Amino acid sequence: MGAALDPRLKLDILRSAYQKIDPRTSEEKVQVVRDNLILLYEEYQKSANPSKFSATLTPHELLTESPLEDDMDDDLFELENSLKSSSRNAKSNLETYLDVEPRLEMKTFEDMEVLNFWKENQHRYGDLASMASDLLSIPITTVAAESAFSVGGRVLSPFRNRILPKNVQALIATRNWLRGFEEFEGDIEDYFNDEDDESAKSSSEVRNSST
């Protein structure tokens, strides 16, 4: 959803990326992203305008609300305004952003700050700008793949190659917990290296005793 809220990407880039991965399911995946955006946007609309969904009068209610003839003209004006506003709001801000407004060129807006874009266009998109700002402000969590495999190689060594996956996970989690303790003295890497040396030493002793 974060990529869809980038005006340089939108759903077009997502569709192209999904097609390269699997053309058979690309449209389905794009539709899932779109449906989730719509659901989330509706929740933002409700939270921003809680009375909008309950207190809006229908055209019939506007005409029958006041029985006095003197108020008939006012009711007709209200009816006309409601019809105009409903025709203008046939598409929501989200649908207008996704379907009507063109996607920005990546080359032209290469250095654009997406959060600044939504901040500057708050008056145009309203609730959509608030939703986009909240989504794009979520910090991205990353995993250093090389470091993870390096740690796994030290835990699952040639001398300990039959450890169950859940035990490997527990050892790596314990390593991360120990690294976070301020009272832990020394280098955690040395802890695992010493453990590997002990395993190698015990393995060599077993081989020597068997010979």
N, C-alpha and C. Protein backbone atom coordinates (compact mmCIF):
# COMPACT_ATOMS: atom_id res chain seq x y z
N MET A 1 0.83 -1.20 0.00
CA MET A 1 0.00 0.00 0.00
C MET A 1 0.86 1.25 0.00
N GLY A 2 2.04 1.15 0.61
CA GLY A 2 2.93 2.30 0.59
C GLY A 2 3.37 2.67 -0.81
N ALA A 3 3.63 1.65 -1.64
CA ALA A 3 4.03 1.92 -3.02
C ALA A 3 2.88 2.54 -3.81
N ALA A 4 1.66 2.10 -3.54
CA ALA A 4 0.50 2.65 -4.25
C ALA A 4 0.27 4.11 -3.88
N LEU A 5 0.69 4.52 -2.70
CA LEU A 5 0.52 5.90 -2.26
C LEU A 5 1.70 6.79 -2.65
N ASP A 6 2.63 6.25 -3.39
CA ASP A 6 3.69 7.05 -4.00
C ASP A 6 3.18 7.53 -5.35
N PRO A 7 3.00 8.83 -5.57
CA PRO A 7 2.41 9.30 -6.83
C PRO A 7 3.25 8.99 -8.06
N ARG A 8 4.48 8.55 -7.86
CA ARG A 8 5.31 8.15 -8.99
C ARG A 8 5.14 6.68 -9.34
N LEU A 9 4.52 5.92 -8.45
CA LEU A 9 4.38 4.48 -8.64
C LEU A 9 2.92 4.08 -8.87
N LYS A 10 2.10 4.34 -7.85
CA LYS A 10 0.68 3.96 -7.86
C LYS A 10 0.52 2.47 -8.14
N LEU A 11 -0.63 2.09 -8.65
CA LEU A 11 -0.89 0.68 -8.92
C LEU A 11 -0.27 0.21 -10.23
N ASP A 12 0.10 1.15 -11.10
CA ASP A 12 0.67 0.77 -12.39
C ASP A 12 2.00 0.03 -12.22
N ILE A 13 2.87 0.59 -11.37
CA ILE A 13 4.16 -0.05 -11.16
C ILE A 13 3.99 -1.38 -10.43
N LEU A 14 3.05 -1.42 -9.48
CA LEU A 14 2.79 -2.68 -8.78
C LEU A 14 2.31 -3.74 -9.77
N ARG A 15 1.44 -3.35 -10.68
CA ARG A 15 0.94 -4.31 -11.67
C ARG A 15 2.07 -4.83 -12.54
N SER A 16 2.96 -3.96 -12.96
CA SER A 16 4.09 -4.40 -13.79
C SER A 16 5.01 -5.33 -13.02
N ALA A 17 5.26 -5.01 -11.75
CA ALA A 17 6.12 -5.86 -10.94
C ALA A 17 5.49 -7.24 -10.72
N TYR A 18 4.20 -7.25 -10.41
CA TYR A 18 3.52 -8.54 -10.21
C TYR A 18 3.48 -9.36 -11.49
N GLN A 19 3.36 -8.70 -12.63
CA GLN A 19 3.33 -9.44 -13.89
C GLN A 19 4.66 -10.11 -14.18
N LYS A 20 5.75 -9.47 -13.78
CA LYS A 20 7.06 -10.09 -13.98
C LYS A 20 7.23 -11.29 -13.07
N ILE A 21 6.64 -11.21 -11.88
CA ILE A 21 6.75 -12.35 -10.94
C ILE A 21 5.85 -13.50 -11.36
N ASP A 22 4.58 -13.20 -11.60
CA ASP A 22 3.61 -14.23 -11.99
C ASP A 22 2.44 -13.56 -12.71
N PRO A 23 2.43 -13.58 -14.05
CA PRO A 23 1.35 -12.91 -14.79
C PRO A 23 -0.04 -13.46 -14.48
N ARG A 24 -0.12 -14.69 -14.04
CA ARG A 24 -1.44 -15.30 -13.79
C ARG A 24 -2.14 -14.70 -12.58
N THR A 25 -1.38 -14.24 -11.60
CA THR A 25 -1.98 -13.74 -10.37
C THR A 25 -1.76 -12.24 -10.17
N SER A 26 -1.22 -11.57 -11.18
CA SER A 26 -0.87 -10.15 -11.01
C SER A 26 -2.10 -9.29 -10.74
N GLU A 27 -3.16 -9.48 -11.55
CA GLU A 27 -4.36 -8.66 -11.37
C GLU A 27 -5.03 -8.92 -10.04
N GLU A 28 -5.00 -10.17 -9.61
CA GLU A 28 -5.60 -10.51 -8.31
C GLU A 28 -4.86 -9.83 -7.16
N LYS A 29 -3.53 -9.80 -7.24
CA LYS A 29 -2.74 -9.16 -6.20
C LYS A 29 -2.95 -7.65 -6.19
N VAL A 30 -3.04 -7.06 -7.36
CA VAL A 30 -3.30 -5.62 -7.44
C VAL A 30 -4.67 -5.29 -6.86
N GLN A 31 -5.65 -6.14 -7.14
CA GLN A 31 -6.99 -5.92 -6.60
C GLN A 31 -7.01 -6.04 -5.09
N VAL A 32 -6.21 -6.93 -4.53
CA VAL A 32 -6.13 -7.06 -3.08
C VAL A 32 -5.59 -5.77 -2.47
N VAL A 33 -4.55 -5.21 -3.07
CA VAL A 33 -3.99 -3.95 -2.57
C VAL A 33 -5.03 -2.84 -2.66
N ARG A 34 -5.74 -2.79 -3.79
CA ARG A 34 -6.75 -1.75 -3.98
C ARG A 34 -7.88 -1.88 -2.96
N ASP A 35 -8.36 -3.11 -2.75
CA ASP A 35 -9.45 -3.34 -1.79
C ASP A 35 -9.03 -2.94 -0.38
N ASN A 36 -7.80 -3.26 0.00
CA ASN A 36 -7.32 -2.90 1.33
C ASN A 36 -7.20 -1.39 1.48
N LEU A 37 -6.78 -0.72 0.42
CA LEU A 37 -6.71 0.74 0.47
C LEU A 37 -8.10 1.35 0.66
N ILE A 38 -9.07 0.80 -0.05
CA ILE A 38 -10.44 1.31 0.06
C ILE A 38 -10.98 1.11 1.47
N LEU A 39 -10.76 -0.08 2.03
CA LEU A 39 -11.25 -0.35 3.38
C LEU A 39 -10.60 0.57 4.40
N LEU A 40 -9.30 0.76 4.26
CA LEU A 40 -8.60 1.64 5.20
C LEU A 40 -9.06 3.08 5.03
N TYR A 41 -9.28 3.51 3.80
CA TYR A 41 -9.72 4.88 3.56
C TYR A 41 -11.11 5.12 4.13
N GLU A 42 -11.98 4.14 4.03
CA GLU A 42 -13.32 4.27 4.61
C GLU A 42 -13.24 4.43 6.13
N GLU A 43 -12.31 3.72 6.76
CA GLU A 43 -12.14 3.86 8.20
C GLU A 43 -11.65 5.26 8.56
N TYR A 44 -10.76 5.80 7.75
CA TYR A 44 -10.28 7.16 7.99
C TYR A 44 -11.40 8.17 7.80
N GLN A 45 -12.26 7.94 6.84
CA GLN A 45 -13.40 8.84 6.64
C GLN A 45 -14.34 8.81 7.85
N LYS A 46 -14.58 7.63 8.37
CA LYS A 46 -15.48 7.52 9.52
C LYS A 46 -14.90 8.19 10.75
N SER A 47 -13.60 8.01 10.97
CA SER A 47 -12.98 8.60 12.14
C SER A 47 -12.87 10.11 12.03
N ALA A 48 -12.70 10.62 10.81
CA ALA A 48 -12.58 12.06 10.62
C ALA A 48 -13.94 12.75 10.62
N ASN A 49 -14.96 12.09 10.09
CA ASN A 49 -16.31 12.67 10.01
C ASN A 49 -17.32 11.67 10.55
N PRO A 50 -17.37 11.47 11.85
CA PRO A 50 -18.27 10.46 12.41
C PRO A 50 -19.74 10.75 12.16
N SER A 51 -20.12 12.03 12.05
CA SER A 51 -21.53 12.38 11.84
C SER A 51 -21.91 12.39 10.37
N LYS A 52 -20.91 12.30 9.50
CA LYS A 52 -21.21 12.39 8.07
C LYS A 52 -22.01 11.20 7.58
N PHE A 53 -21.79 10.04 8.20
CA PHE A 53 -22.43 8.83 7.73
C PHE A 53 -23.76 8.57 8.42
N SER A 54 -24.05 9.34 9.46
CA SER A 54 -25.30 9.09 10.18
C SER A 54 -26.28 10.25 10.08
N ALA A 55 -25.77 11.47 9.92
CA ALA A 55 -26.66 12.63 9.95
C ALA A 55 -26.94 13.22 8.58
N THR A 56 -26.41 12.63 7.50
CA THR A 56 -26.66 13.16 6.16
C THR A 56 -28.10 12.86 5.75
N LEU A 57 -28.84 13.88 5.35
CA LEU A 57 -30.23 13.72 4.95
C LEU A 57 -30.32 13.35 3.48
N THR A 58 -31.24 12.45 3.18
CA THR A 58 -31.49 12.10 1.79
C THR A 58 -32.32 13.19 1.13
N PRO A 59 -32.37 13.25 -0.22
CA PRO A 59 -33.20 14.25 -0.89
C PRO A 59 -34.67 14.19 -0.46
N HIS A 60 -35.19 12.99 -0.24
CA HIS A 60 -36.58 12.87 0.20
C HIS A 60 -36.77 13.48 1.59
N GLU A 61 -35.80 13.24 2.49
CA GLU A 61 -35.90 13.81 3.83
C GLU A 61 -35.79 15.32 3.81
N LEU A 62 -35.00 15.85 2.90
CA LEU A 62 -34.87 17.29 2.81
C LEU A 62 -36.19 17.95 2.42
N LEU A 63 -36.96 17.30 1.54
CA LEU A 63 -38.23 17.87 1.10
C LEU A 63 -39.33 17.70 2.13
N THR A 64 -39.27 16.63 2.89
CA THR A 64 -40.34 16.34 3.85
C THR A 64 -39.98 16.74 5.27
N GLU A 65 -38.78 17.30 5.47
CA GLU A 65 -38.36 17.62 6.83
C GLU A 65 -39.23 18.71 7.44
N SER A 66 -39.55 19.74 6.69
CA SER A 66 -40.33 20.86 7.21
C SER A 66 -41.69 20.89 6.53
N PRO A 67 -42.79 20.86 7.28
CA PRO A 67 -44.12 20.87 6.66
C PRO A 67 -44.58 22.28 6.30
N LEU A 68 -43.86 23.30 6.69
CA LEU A 68 -44.31 24.66 6.43
C LEU A 68 -43.98 25.06 5.00
N GLU A 69 -44.95 25.76 4.33
CA GLU A 69 -44.74 26.17 2.96
C GLU A 69 -43.64 27.23 2.85
N ASP A 70 -43.45 28.04 3.92
CA ASP A 70 -42.43 29.08 3.87
C ASP A 70 -41.04 28.49 3.77
N ASP A 71 -40.88 27.27 4.27
CA ASP A 71 -39.55 26.66 4.26
C ASP A 71 -39.31 25.84 2.99
N MET A 72 -40.30 25.81 2.08
CA MET A 72 -40.17 24.97 0.89
C MET A 72 -39.01 25.45 0.01
N ASP A 73 -38.88 26.77 -0.13
CA ASP A 73 -37.78 27.27 -0.97
C ASP A 73 -36.43 26.90 -0.40
N ASP A 74 -36.30 27.02 0.92
CA ASP A 74 -35.04 26.64 1.55
C ASP A 74 -34.74 25.16 1.34
N ASP A 75 -35.79 24.33 1.45
CA ASP A 75 -35.59 22.91 1.24
C ASP A 75 -35.16 22.60 -0.19
N LEU A 76 -35.73 23.34 -1.14
CA LEU A 76 -35.35 23.13 -2.54
C LEU A 76 -33.90 23.53 -2.79
N PHE A 77 -33.48 24.61 -2.14
CA PHE A 77 -32.08 25.01 -2.27
C PHE A 77 -31.17 23.96 -1.67
N GLU A 78 -31.57 23.43 -0.50
CA GLU A 78 -30.76 22.38 0.13
C GLU A 78 -30.70 21.14 -0.74
N LEU A 79 -31.83 20.82 -1.36
CA LEU A 79 -31.89 19.66 -2.25
C LEU A 79 -30.96 19.85 -3.44
N GLU A 80 -30.98 21.03 -4.02
CA GLU A 80 -30.13 21.31 -5.16
C GLU A 80 -28.65 21.21 -4.78
N ASN A 81 -28.32 21.75 -3.63
CA ASN A 81 -26.93 21.68 -3.17
C ASN A 81 -26.49 20.25 -2.91
N SER A 82 -27.40 19.45 -2.34
CA SER A 82 -27.05 18.06 -2.06
C SER A 82 -26.83 17.28 -3.34
N LEU A 83 -27.65 17.57 -4.37
CA LEU A 83 -27.47 16.88 -5.64
C LEU A 83 -26.16 17.28 -6.31
N LYS A 84 -25.81 18.55 -6.20
CA LYS A 84 -24.56 19.01 -6.78
C LYS A 84 -23.36 18.38 -6.08
N SER A 85 -23.43 18.35 -4.75
CA SER A 85 -22.31 17.78 -4.01
C SER A 85 -22.18 16.29 -4.25
N SER A 86 -23.32 15.60 -4.38
CA SER A 86 -23.25 14.16 -4.64
C SER A 86 -22.69 13.87 -6.02
N SER A 87 -23.02 14.72 -7.00
CA SER A 87 -22.48 14.53 -8.34
C SER A 87 -20.98 14.83 -8.37
N ARG A 88 -20.56 15.81 -7.59
CA ARG A 88 -19.13 16.13 -7.55
C ARG A 88 -18.34 15.04 -6.84
N ASN A 89 -18.95 14.41 -5.85
CA ASN A 89 -18.27 13.41 -5.05
C ASN A 89 -18.60 11.99 -5.52
N ALA A 90 -18.89 11.84 -6.82
CA ALA A 90 -19.16 10.51 -7.34
C ALA A 90 -17.95 9.62 -7.14
N LYS A 91 -16.77 10.19 -7.26
CA LYS A 91 -15.54 9.45 -7.00
C LYS A 91 -14.91 9.98 -5.71
N SER A 92 -14.45 9.08 -4.90
CA SER A 92 -13.77 9.50 -3.67
C SER A 92 -12.39 10.04 -4.00
N ASN A 93 -11.75 10.65 -3.01
CA ASN A 93 -10.40 11.16 -3.22
C ASN A 93 -9.43 10.04 -3.58
N LEU A 94 -9.64 8.87 -2.98
CA LEU A 94 -8.77 7.74 -3.28
C LEU A 94 -8.94 7.28 -4.73
N GLU A 95 -10.20 7.16 -5.18
CA GLU A 95 -10.44 6.74 -6.56
C GLU A 95 -9.94 7.78 -7.55
N THR A 96 -10.10 9.05 -7.22
CA THR A 96 -9.59 10.11 -8.09
C THR A 96 -8.07 10.03 -8.19
N TYR A 97 -7.43 9.80 -7.06
CA TYR A 97 -5.97 9.71 -7.05
C TYR A 97 -5.48 8.51 -7.85
N LEU A 98 -6.15 7.37 -7.70
CA LEU A 98 -5.69 6.14 -8.36
C LEU A 98 -6.07 6.08 -9.83
N ASP A 99 -7.28 6.54 -10.18
CA ASP A 99 -7.82 6.29 -11.52
C ASP A 99 -7.81 7.51 -12.44
N VAL A 100 -7.96 8.70 -11.88
CA VAL A 100 -8.15 9.88 -12.72
C VAL A 100 -6.84 10.65 -12.91
N GLU A 101 -6.18 10.97 -11.82
CA GLU A 101 -4.98 11.79 -11.92
C GLU A 101 -3.82 10.97 -12.48
N PRO A 102 -3.06 11.57 -13.39
CA PRO A 102 -1.94 10.83 -14.01
C PRO A 102 -0.81 10.58 -13.02
N ARG A 103 -0.08 9.54 -13.28
CA ARG A 103 1.07 9.20 -12.44
C ARG A 103 2.22 10.14 -12.78
N LEU A 104 2.95 10.59 -11.76
CA LEU A 104 4.09 11.47 -11.96
C LEU A 104 5.26 10.69 -12.55
N GLU A 105 6.02 11.35 -13.40
CA GLU A 105 7.16 10.72 -14.03
C GLU A 105 8.31 10.58 -13.03
N MET A 106 8.88 9.39 -12.97
CA MET A 106 9.96 9.13 -12.03
C MET A 106 11.20 9.97 -12.35
N LYS A 107 11.51 10.15 -13.63
CA LYS A 107 12.70 10.92 -13.99
C LYS A 107 12.55 12.39 -13.59
N THR A 108 11.36 12.93 -13.75
CA THR A 108 11.13 14.33 -13.44
C THR A 108 11.13 14.57 -11.94
N PHE A 109 10.55 13.63 -11.18
CA PHE A 109 10.40 13.79 -9.74
C PHE A 109 11.25 12.76 -9.00
N GLU A 110 12.47 12.59 -9.45
CA GLU A 110 13.34 11.56 -8.86
C GLU A 110 13.65 11.83 -7.40
N ASP A 111 13.85 13.09 -7.05
CA ASP A 111 14.23 13.45 -5.68
C ASP A 111 13.04 13.92 -4.84
N MET A 112 11.85 13.60 -5.24
CA MET A 112 10.67 14.06 -4.53
C MET A 112 10.52 13.33 -3.19
N GLU A 113 10.21 14.09 -2.15
CA GLU A 113 9.89 13.51 -0.85
C GLU A 113 8.39 13.23 -0.81
N VAL A 114 8.04 11.95 -0.69
CA VAL A 114 6.63 11.56 -0.79
C VAL A 114 5.81 12.15 0.35
N LEU A 115 6.38 12.16 1.57
CA LEU A 115 5.64 12.72 2.70
C LEU A 115 5.39 14.22 2.50
N ASN A 116 6.36 14.91 1.93
CA ASN A 116 6.15 16.34 1.65
C ASN A 116 5.08 16.54 0.59
N PHE A 117 5.00 15.62 -0.36
CA PHE A 117 3.95 15.71 -1.39
C PHE A 117 2.56 15.67 -0.76
N TRP A 118 2.35 14.72 0.16
CA TRP A 118 1.03 14.61 0.80
C TRP A 118 0.77 15.78 1.74
N LYS A 119 1.82 16.28 2.36
CA LYS A 119 1.64 17.43 3.24
C LYS A 119 1.25 18.67 2.44
N GLU A 120 1.88 18.88 1.30
CA GLU A 120 1.59 20.05 0.48
C GLU A 120 0.23 19.95 -0.21
N ASN A 121 -0.27 18.73 -0.39
CA ASN A 121 -1.54 18.52 -1.08
C ASN A 121 -2.66 18.11 -0.12
N GLN A 122 -2.49 18.46 1.15
CA GLN A 122 -3.51 18.15 2.15
C GLN A 122 -4.86 18.74 1.77
N HIS A 123 -4.87 19.95 1.22
CA HIS A 123 -6.13 20.62 0.88
C HIS A 123 -6.83 19.94 -0.28
N ARG A 124 -6.09 19.24 -1.12
CA ARG A 124 -6.69 18.57 -2.28
C ARG A 124 -7.27 17.21 -1.94
N TYR A 125 -6.55 16.45 -1.08
CA TYR A 125 -6.93 15.07 -0.83
C TYR A 125 -7.59 14.84 0.53
N GLY A 126 -7.49 15.77 1.44
CA GLY A 126 -8.17 15.65 2.72
C GLY A 126 -7.77 14.41 3.50
N ASP A 127 -8.76 13.54 3.75
CA ASP A 127 -8.54 12.34 4.55
C ASP A 127 -7.50 11.41 3.92
N LEU A 128 -7.45 11.39 2.59
CA LEU A 128 -6.48 10.53 1.92
C LEU A 128 -5.06 10.96 2.25
N ALA A 129 -4.82 12.27 2.33
CA ALA A 129 -3.49 12.76 2.68
C ALA A 129 -3.11 12.34 4.10
N SER A 130 -4.06 12.37 5.02
CA SER A 130 -3.79 11.94 6.39
C SER A 130 -3.47 10.45 6.44
N MET A 131 -4.23 9.65 5.69
CA MET A 131 -3.99 8.21 5.65
C MET A 131 -2.63 7.91 5.05
N ALA A 132 -2.28 8.59 3.95
CA ALA A 132 -0.99 8.36 3.30
C ALA A 132 0.16 8.75 4.22
N SER A 133 0.01 9.85 4.93
CA SER A 133 1.07 10.29 5.85
C SER A 133 1.28 9.29 6.96
N ASP A 134 0.19 8.73 7.49
CA ASP A 134 0.32 7.74 8.56
C ASP A 134 0.98 6.45 8.05
N LEU A 135 0.57 6.01 6.86
CA LEU A 135 1.14 4.77 6.33
C LEU A 135 2.62 4.93 5.99
N LEU A 136 2.95 6.03 5.34
CA LEU A 136 4.33 6.23 4.90
C LEU A 136 5.26 6.59 6.04
N SER A 137 4.71 6.95 7.20
CA SER A 137 5.54 7.28 8.36
C SER A 137 5.94 6.05 9.15
N ILE A 138 5.37 4.89 8.84
CA ILE A 138 5.73 3.67 9.55
C ILE A 138 7.16 3.29 9.20
N PRO A 139 8.03 3.15 10.18
CA PRO A 139 9.43 2.81 9.86
C PRO A 139 9.55 1.43 9.23
N ILE A 140 10.41 1.34 8.25
CA ILE A 140 10.62 0.08 7.54
C ILE A 140 11.58 -0.78 8.34
N THR A 141 11.24 -2.04 8.55
CA THR A 141 12.12 -2.96 9.25
C THR A 141 12.91 -3.76 8.23
N THR A 142 14.20 -3.81 8.41
CA THR A 142 15.07 -4.53 7.49
C THR A 142 15.87 -5.58 8.25
N VAL A 143 16.30 -6.59 7.53
CA VAL A 143 17.13 -7.65 8.10
C VAL A 143 18.39 -7.73 7.26
N ALA A 144 19.53 -7.66 7.92
CA ALA A 144 20.79 -7.80 7.20
C ALA A 144 20.97 -9.27 6.85
N ALA A 145 20.71 -9.62 5.59
CA ALA A 145 20.72 -11.02 5.18
C ALA A 145 22.08 -11.65 5.36
N GLU A 146 23.14 -10.93 4.95
CA GLU A 146 24.48 -11.49 5.07
C GLU A 146 24.85 -11.75 6.52
N SER A 147 24.48 -10.81 7.40
CA SER A 147 24.78 -10.99 8.82
C SER A 147 23.99 -12.17 9.39
N ALA A 148 22.72 -12.29 8.97
CA ALA A 148 21.90 -13.38 9.47
C ALA A 148 22.47 -14.74 9.08
N PHE A 149 22.91 -14.87 7.82
CA PHE A 149 23.48 -16.14 7.38
C PHE A 149 24.83 -16.39 8.06
N SER A 150 25.58 -15.32 8.32
CA SER A 150 26.87 -15.48 9.00
C SER A 150 26.67 -16.01 10.41
N VAL A 151 25.70 -15.44 11.12
CA VAL A 151 25.40 -15.91 12.47
C VAL A 151 24.90 -17.34 12.44
N GLY A 152 24.03 -17.66 11.46
CA GLY A 152 23.53 -19.02 11.35
C GLY A 152 24.63 -20.02 11.09
N GLY A 153 25.65 -19.59 10.32
CA GLY A 153 26.77 -20.48 10.04
C GLY A 153 27.59 -20.79 11.28
N ARG A 154 27.66 -19.83 12.20
CA ARG A 154 28.40 -20.08 13.43
C ARG A 154 27.60 -20.96 14.39
N VAL A 155 26.27 -20.80 14.36
CA VAL A 155 25.45 -21.63 15.25
C VAL A 155 25.36 -23.05 14.71
N LEU A 156 25.13 -23.18 13.40
CA LEU A 156 25.01 -24.50 12.77
C LEU A 156 26.35 -24.82 12.10
N SER A 157 27.30 -25.26 12.89
CA SER A 157 28.66 -25.51 12.41
C SER A 157 28.79 -26.95 11.92
N PRO A 158 29.92 -27.28 11.28
CA PRO A 158 30.12 -28.67 10.84
C PRO A 158 30.09 -29.67 11.99
N PHE A 159 30.36 -29.21 13.19
CA PHE A 159 30.35 -30.11 14.35
C PHE A 159 28.98 -30.14 15.03
N ARG A 160 28.09 -29.27 14.60
CA ARG A 160 26.73 -29.25 15.15
C ARG A 160 25.77 -29.09 13.97
N ASN A 161 25.71 -30.09 13.14
CA ASN A 161 24.92 -30.01 11.92
C ASN A 161 23.62 -30.81 11.97
N ARG A 162 23.25 -31.26 13.17
CA ARG A 162 22.00 -32.01 13.29
C ARG A 162 21.05 -31.37 14.30
N ILE A 163 21.26 -30.05 14.54
CA ILE A 163 20.38 -29.34 15.46
C ILE A 163 19.03 -29.09 14.79
N LEU A 164 17.97 -29.25 15.54
CA LEU A 164 16.64 -29.00 15.01
C LEU A 164 16.47 -27.52 14.69
N PRO A 165 15.65 -27.21 13.68
CA PRO A 165 15.46 -25.79 13.30
C PRO A 165 14.99 -24.93 14.46
N LYS A 166 14.10 -25.45 15.31
CA LYS A 166 13.60 -24.65 16.43
C LYS A 166 14.72 -24.36 17.43
N ASN A 167 15.69 -25.29 17.57
CA ASN A 167 16.80 -25.05 18.48
C ASN A 167 17.76 -24.01 17.90
N VAL A 168 17.95 -24.03 16.57
CA VAL A 168 18.77 -23.00 15.93
C VAL A 168 18.14 -21.64 16.13
N GLN A 169 16.84 -21.58 15.97
CA GLN A 169 16.13 -20.31 16.17
C GLN A 169 16.26 -19.83 17.61
N ALA A 170 16.19 -20.76 18.55
CA ALA A 170 16.32 -20.38 19.95
C ALA A 170 17.73 -19.87 20.26
N LEU A 171 18.75 -20.49 19.66
CA LEU A 171 20.13 -20.05 19.89
C LEU A 171 20.36 -18.65 19.32
N ILE A 172 19.83 -18.39 18.14
CA ILE A 172 20.01 -17.07 17.53
C ILE A 172 19.25 -16.01 18.33
N ALA A 173 18.04 -16.37 18.79
CA ALA A 173 17.28 -15.43 19.61
C ALA A 173 18.00 -15.13 20.92
N THR A 174 18.59 -16.17 21.53
CA THR A 174 19.35 -15.97 22.76
C THR A 174 20.55 -15.07 22.53
N ARG A 175 21.19 -15.25 21.38
CA ARG A 175 22.33 -14.39 21.03
C ARG A 175 21.90 -12.93 20.95
N ASN A 176 20.75 -12.67 20.32
CA ASN A 176 20.27 -11.29 20.22
C ASN A 176 19.91 -10.72 21.58
N TRP A 177 19.34 -11.54 22.45
CA TRP A 177 18.99 -11.07 23.79
C TRP A 177 20.25 -10.73 24.59
N LEU A 178 21.25 -11.59 24.50
CA LEU A 178 22.49 -11.34 25.23
C LEU A 178 23.18 -10.08 24.75
N ARG A 179 23.11 -9.84 23.46
CA ARG A 179 23.74 -8.64 22.90
C ARG A 179 23.07 -7.38 23.44
N GLY A 180 21.80 -7.47 23.80
CA GLY A 180 21.09 -6.29 24.28
C GLY A 180 21.28 -6.02 25.75
N PHE A 181 21.91 -6.94 26.51
CA PHE A 181 22.10 -6.75 27.94
C PHE A 181 23.31 -5.87 28.19
N GLU A 182 23.11 -4.80 28.95
CA GLU A 182 24.22 -3.89 29.22
C GLU A 182 25.26 -4.53 30.14
N GLU A 183 24.79 -5.44 31.03
CA GLU A 183 25.73 -6.01 31.99
C GLU A 183 26.57 -7.12 31.38
N PHE A 184 26.26 -7.48 30.11
CA PHE A 184 27.04 -8.54 29.47
C PHE A 184 28.41 -8.00 29.10
N GLU A 185 29.48 -8.60 29.60
CA GLU A 185 30.83 -8.15 29.34
C GLU A 185 31.46 -9.02 28.25
N GLY A 186 32.27 -8.37 27.43
CA GLY A 186 32.94 -9.10 26.37
C GLY A 186 32.15 -9.05 25.07
N ASP A 187 32.70 -9.71 24.07
CA ASP A 187 32.09 -9.74 22.75
C ASP A 187 31.25 -10.99 22.61
N ILE A 188 30.02 -10.82 22.18
CA ILE A 188 29.13 -11.98 22.03
C ILE A 188 29.65 -12.94 20.97
N GLU A 189 30.39 -12.41 19.98
CA GLU A 189 30.96 -13.27 18.96
C GLU A 189 31.97 -14.23 19.56
N ASP A 190 32.75 -13.70 20.53
CA ASP A 190 33.72 -14.56 21.21
C ASP A 190 33.02 -15.68 21.96
N TYR A 191 31.82 -15.37 22.48
CA TYR A 191 31.06 -16.39 23.21
C TYR A 191 30.74 -17.57 22.30
N PHE A 192 30.29 -17.26 21.09
CA PHE A 192 29.94 -18.34 20.17
C PHE A 192 31.20 -19.01 19.61
N ASN A 193 32.27 -18.24 19.43
CA ASN A 193 33.51 -18.85 18.95
C ASN A 193 34.07 -19.82 19.97
N ASP A 194 34.01 -19.43 21.25
CA ASP A 194 34.47 -20.34 22.31
C ASP A 194 33.63 -21.60 22.34
N GLU A 195 32.32 -21.41 22.09
CA GLU A 195 31.43 -22.57 22.09
C GLU A 195 31.77 -23.51 20.94
N ASP A 196 32.10 -22.93 19.78
CA ASP A 196 32.48 -23.75 18.64
C ASP A 196 33.79 -24.47 18.91
N ASP A 197 34.75 -23.76 19.57
CA ASP A 197 36.04 -24.39 19.87
C ASP A 197 35.85 -25.56 20.82
N GLU A 198 34.96 -25.39 21.80
CA GLU A 198 34.70 -26.49 22.73
C GLU A 198 34.08 -27.68 22.01
N SER A 199 33.17 -27.39 21.05
CA SER A 199 32.56 -28.48 20.29
C SER A 199 33.60 -29.20 19.45
N ALA A 200 34.49 -28.41 18.81
CA ALA A 200 35.54 -29.03 18.00
C ALA A 200 36.48 -29.86 18.85
N LYS A 201 36.81 -29.34 20.04
CA LYS A 201 37.72 -30.05 20.94
C LYS A 201 37.11 -31.36 21.41
N SER A 202 35.84 -31.32 21.78
CA SER A 202 35.17 -32.54 22.25
C SER A 202 35.05 -33.55 21.13
N SER A 203 34.80 -33.04 19.89
CA SER A 203 34.68 -33.96 18.76
C SER A 203 36.00 -34.64 18.46
N SER A 204 37.10 -33.86 18.54
CA SER A 204 38.42 -34.45 18.28
C SER A 204 38.78 -35.46 19.37
N GLU A 205 38.40 -35.17 20.61
CA GLU A 205 38.67 -36.11 21.69
C GLU A 205 37.92 -37.42 21.47
N VAL A 206 36.69 -37.31 20.96
CA VAL A 206 35.92 -38.53 20.70
C VAL A 206 36.59 -39.34 19.61
N ARG A 207 37.09 -38.68 18.56
CA ARG A 207 37.75 -39.39 17.48
C ARG A 207 39.05 -40.03 17.95
N ASN A 208 39.79 -39.31 18.80
CA ASN A 208 41.06 -39.87 19.28
C ASN A 208 40.83 -41.07 20.18
N SER A 209 39.77 -40.99 21.00
CA SER A 209 39.49 -42.12 21.88
C SER A 209 39.03 -43.34 21.11
N SER A 210 38.31 -43.10 20.01
CA SER A 210 37.82 -44.25 19.23
C SER A 210 38.93 -44.92 18.47
N THR A 211 39.98 -44.14 18.13
CA THR A 211 41.11 -44.76 17.41
C THR A 211 42.05 -45.47 18.38
